[in-house]
Each structure stands twice: as structure tokens, then as C-alpha cells.
Amino acid sequence: MTKDDASHVSGHVKWFDPGKGFGFVVADEGGPDILLHANVLRNFGQGSVADGALIEVRVQQTERGVQATEVLSIEPPGVSGEPALADFEEVDPAILAAAVLEPARVKWFDKAKGFGFANVFGKPEDVFVHIEVLRRSGLADLQPGEAIGLRVIDGKRGRMAVQVNAWESALKGQ
């Protein structure tokens, strides 16, 4: 691959740290780790991505190694068919599947605590967002004020997110 060539690569996210502003992708065909910069991820519409998420990127060889230049798609990491949280075990799967995608904004999220809250536009109640739901949605972290799309149910402890989408992905109907 020459310096000016860009190619399409499928792989998985080795790790991504929003605080550092970068992470690495491992290509399915092997080879060196691929640098994934936060700006490239933001151009796709996400501020974070979960470790292990399946990802397709365009890459370019640079003097500093192989770097992603564009994110083409992201799929959440493989998960079992089990509910993300014990709170969802007794909920009819049809109710989870029928939850409407609603526009929301992150109130706060603490990755170390493993949860946070968001507000759906036009509704006064906070929506609980658990880190496991976030991970199963393909995201690793949320920032206060970040626009997101949420699928929400009324759970035992109030309104709870069952899926979180980056806003740009939600607009695309993903």
C-alpha cells in the first residue's frame, strides 16, 4: 500500500479511550494495529466506541503507520441473547423491541460508576442509562450535553434506556 492509497478494512476495536482521543483497530486479515483517532470517529457521528465492536474503516499508510481515515460502519460487540440487565429479564421481549427511538441529551454519565442519566426532549423524567446497555449499543462513554437517541421502557426503578444510539446514527435509522 503506497502512502496515497486508501483501502477498506474490516476488523474489531482493540481499545478506544475518549480521554486520550484515540484507540486501535485490529484488522481481520492481520497486520499492524490501525490507529483510530477521535476526529475520525466523530466524523462518523460517535464520540466513543466499545472495545470489541466490529468496525469497517478506510485506512491509509502514513509515515507513522496505518491510520483510519474514515469509519464506514460499526456494529456492537457480540453479546449473548441474555438481557443486558436483570431489570429487563421479566420484560416481554416484544416490549423491548417495540420501544420507540426518542431524541435525548446526556445529563451526566460516569463510566467508573457504570451509569448515568439522560433527558428525553419534552419529558421531565430522567432516563437511567447503564454502562452494559451502552456497551451492547456499541458505545463506550457519553459526555454531558451529548445528543443521543434512546429506546426507553418504564422499568421497576423508573424510565430506563434499553438501547443508546449516537445521534447521527439515530438520524440514519440505525
Protein backbone atom coordinates (compact mmCIF):
# COMPACT_ATOMS: atom_id res chain seq x y z
CA MET A 1 0.00 0.00 0.00
CA THR A 2 1.52 3.32 -1.02
CA LYS A 3 1.21 6.45 1.07
CA ASP A 4 -1.63 7.85 -1.08
CA ASP A 5 -3.66 4.62 -1.31
CA ALA A 6 -6.70 4.23 0.89
CA SER A 7 -8.17 0.78 1.37
CA HIS A 8 -11.18 -0.74 3.08
CA VAL A 9 -10.51 -2.84 6.19
CA SER A 10 -12.85 -4.87 8.42
CA GLY A 11 -11.85 -5.69 11.97
CA HIS A 12 -12.64 -5.03 15.61
CA VAL A 13 -11.85 -2.28 18.08
CA LYS A 14 -8.92 -3.35 20.25
CA TRP A 15 -9.48 -0.38 22.59
CA PHE A 16 -10.57 3.23 22.39
CA ASP A 17 -10.07 5.90 25.05
CA PRO A 18 -12.13 9.07 24.51
CA GLY A 19 -9.99 10.88 27.10
CA LYS A 20 -6.81 10.19 25.13
CA GLY A 21 -8.57 10.86 21.86
CA PHE A 22 -7.57 7.66 20.09
CA GLY A 23 -7.58 3.89 20.09
CA PHE A 24 -6.67 0.97 17.84
CA VAL A 25 -8.39 -1.39 15.43
CA VAL A 26 -7.20 -4.93 14.67
CA ALA A 27 -7.82 -5.94 11.04
CA ASP A 28 -9.47 -9.31 10.37
CA GLU A 29 -6.67 -10.13 7.90
CA GLY A 30 -3.99 -9.34 10.47
CA GLY A 31 -1.18 -6.85 10.18
CA PRO A 32 -0.25 -3.91 12.36
CA ASP A 33 -2.77 -2.21 14.64
CA ILE A 34 -4.65 0.63 12.93
CA LEU A 35 -4.78 3.99 14.69
CA LEU A 36 -8.33 5.28 15.15
CA HIS A 37 -8.30 8.98 16.02
CA ALA A 38 -11.23 10.58 17.85
CA ASN A 39 -11.77 13.07 14.99
CA VAL A 40 -12.27 10.22 12.51
CA LEU A 41 -14.79 8.62 14.90
CA ARG A 42 -16.56 11.97 15.42
CA ASN A 43 -16.85 12.40 11.64
CA PHE A 44 -18.87 9.16 11.74
CA GLY A 45 -21.07 10.72 14.44
CA GLN A 46 -19.81 8.99 17.59
CA GLY A 47 -17.66 10.21 20.44
CA SER A 48 -16.74 6.72 21.63
CA VAL A 49 -16.83 3.09 20.56
CA ALA A 50 -16.95 -0.07 22.67
CA ASP A 51 -13.96 -2.39 22.87
CA GLY A 52 -14.61 -5.42 20.69
CA ALA A 53 -17.07 -3.61 18.39
CA LEU A 54 -16.93 -4.74 14.77
CA ILE A 55 -15.78 -1.90 12.56
CA GLU A 56 -15.18 -1.15 8.90
CA VAL A 57 -12.77 1.66 8.08
CA ARG A 58 -10.85 3.15 5.22
CA VAL A 59 -7.15 3.20 6.06
CA GLN A 60 -4.06 4.88 4.78
CA GLN A 61 -0.39 4.09 5.26
CA THR A 62 1.42 7.08 6.75
CA GLU A 63 4.95 7.69 7.96
CA ARG A 64 3.71 6.87 11.46
CA GLY A 65 1.93 3.63 10.48
CA VAL A 66 -1.54 2.62 9.33
CA GLN A 67 -4.32 5.04 10.28
CA ALA A 68 -8.08 5.01 9.80
CA THR A 69 -9.20 7.89 7.60
CA GLU A 70 -12.95 7.16 7.62
CA VAL A 71 -15.31 4.95 9.60
CA LEU A 72 -17.77 3.17 7.31
CA SER A 73 -19.74 1.11 9.85
CA ILE A 74 -19.77 -0.01 13.47
CA GLU A 75 -21.59 -2.99 14.96
CA PRO A 76 -21.81 -3.52 18.74
CA PRO A 77 -19.62 -6.25 20.21
CA GLY A 78 -21.09 -9.75 20.14
CA VAL A 79 -23.38 -10.40 23.06
CA SER A 80 -25.37 -13.36 24.21
CA GLY A 81 -29.13 -13.44 23.86
CA GLU A 82 -29.48 -12.63 27.54
CA PRO A 83 -30.93 -9.27 28.65
CA ALA A 84 -28.38 -6.54 29.31
CA LEU A 85 -29.63 -6.08 32.87
CA ALA A 86 -31.54 -8.15 35.40
CA ASP A 87 -34.16 -5.37 35.29
CA PHE A 88 -35.06 -6.47 31.74
CA GLU A 89 -35.38 -10.22 32.48
CA GLU A 90 -39.09 -10.04 33.30
CA VAL A 91 -39.95 -7.60 30.49
CA ASP A 92 -41.66 -9.07 27.44
CA PRO A 93 -39.09 -9.03 24.58
CA ALA A 94 -41.82 -7.60 22.31
CA ILE A 95 -41.98 -4.52 24.59
CA LEU A 96 -38.20 -4.08 24.35
CA ALA A 97 -38.31 -4.43 20.56
CA ALA A 98 -41.24 -2.00 20.25
CA ALA A 99 -39.57 0.80 22.23
CA VAL A 100 -39.54 3.93 20.08
CA LEU A 101 -36.28 5.75 19.40
CA GLU A 102 -36.51 9.10 21.19
CA PRO A 103 -34.21 12.15 20.92
CA ALA A 104 -32.37 12.82 24.17
CA ARG A 105 -29.43 14.66 25.69
CA VAL A 106 -26.96 13.24 28.23
CA LYS A 107 -27.36 14.81 31.66
CA TRP A 108 -24.28 13.06 33.07
CA PHE A 109 -22.54 9.72 32.73
CA ASP A 110 -19.83 8.29 34.99
CA LYS A 111 -18.01 5.39 33.36
CA ALA A 112 -16.35 4.43 36.67
CA LYS A 113 -19.74 4.19 38.41
CA GLY A 114 -21.19 2.40 35.40
CA PHE A 115 -24.25 4.56 34.86
CA GLY A 116 -25.68 7.98 34.22
CA PHE A 117 -28.83 9.81 33.19
CA ALA A 118 -30.25 11.45 30.11
CA ASN A 119 -33.33 13.55 29.38
CA VAL A 120 -35.70 12.83 26.50
CA PHE A 121 -36.69 16.07 24.78
CA GLY A 122 -40.07 17.30 26.04
CA LYS A 123 -40.25 14.90 29.00
CA PRO A 124 -39.36 15.86 32.59
CA GLU A 125 -38.24 12.44 33.88
CA ASP A 126 -34.62 11.36 33.90
CA VAL A 127 -33.78 8.18 31.96
CA PHE A 128 -31.35 5.76 33.63
CA VAL A 129 -28.51 4.66 31.31
CA HIS A 130 -26.46 1.63 32.44
CA ILE A 131 -22.96 1.02 31.06
CA GLU A 132 -23.89 -2.51 29.95
CA VAL A 133 -26.72 -1.11 27.79
CA LEU A 134 -24.24 1.44 26.43
CA ARG A 135 -21.67 -1.27 25.63
CA ARG A 136 -24.26 -3.50 23.96
CA SER A 137 -25.22 -0.48 21.87
CA GLY A 138 -21.61 -0.19 20.65
CA LEU A 139 -20.60 2.85 22.70
CA ALA A 140 -18.04 3.16 25.49
CA ASP A 141 -18.80 6.53 27.11
CA LEU A 142 -21.13 9.54 26.97
CA GLN A 143 -20.39 13.21 27.51
CA PRO A 144 -22.69 15.72 29.28
CA GLY A 145 -24.81 17.55 26.73
CA GLU A 146 -24.21 14.94 24.00
CA ALA A 147 -27.22 14.38 21.73
CA ILE A 148 -28.28 10.72 21.55
CA GLY A 149 -31.20 8.54 20.53
CA LEU A 150 -32.70 6.31 23.24
CA ARG A 151 -35.11 3.41 23.27
CA VAL A 152 -36.75 3.67 26.70
CA ILE A 153 -39.07 1.49 28.79
CA ASP A 154 -40.75 2.05 32.13
CA GLY A 155 -38.84 -0.27 34.46
CA LYS A 156 -39.04 -1.19 38.12
CA ARG A 157 -36.94 1.84 39.01
CA GLY A 158 -38.40 4.33 36.55
CA ARG A 159 -37.55 5.11 32.94
CA MET A 160 -34.60 3.05 31.68
CA ALA A 161 -32.70 3.03 28.39
CA VAL A 162 -32.68 -0.34 26.63
CA GLN A 163 -30.64 0.97 23.67
CA VAL A 164 -28.46 4.03 23.09
CA ASN A 165 -27.56 5.38 19.65
CA ALA A 166 -25.19 8.15 18.69
CA TRP A 167 -27.43 10.96 17.40
CA GLU A 168 -26.15 10.79 13.82
CA SER A 169 -26.78 7.03 13.76
CA ALA A 170 -30.27 7.55 15.18
CA LEU A 171 -31.00 10.03 12.38
CA LYS A 172 -29.95 7.40 9.82
CA GLY A 173 -32.48 4.98 11.35
CA GLN A 174 -29.92 2.59 12.81
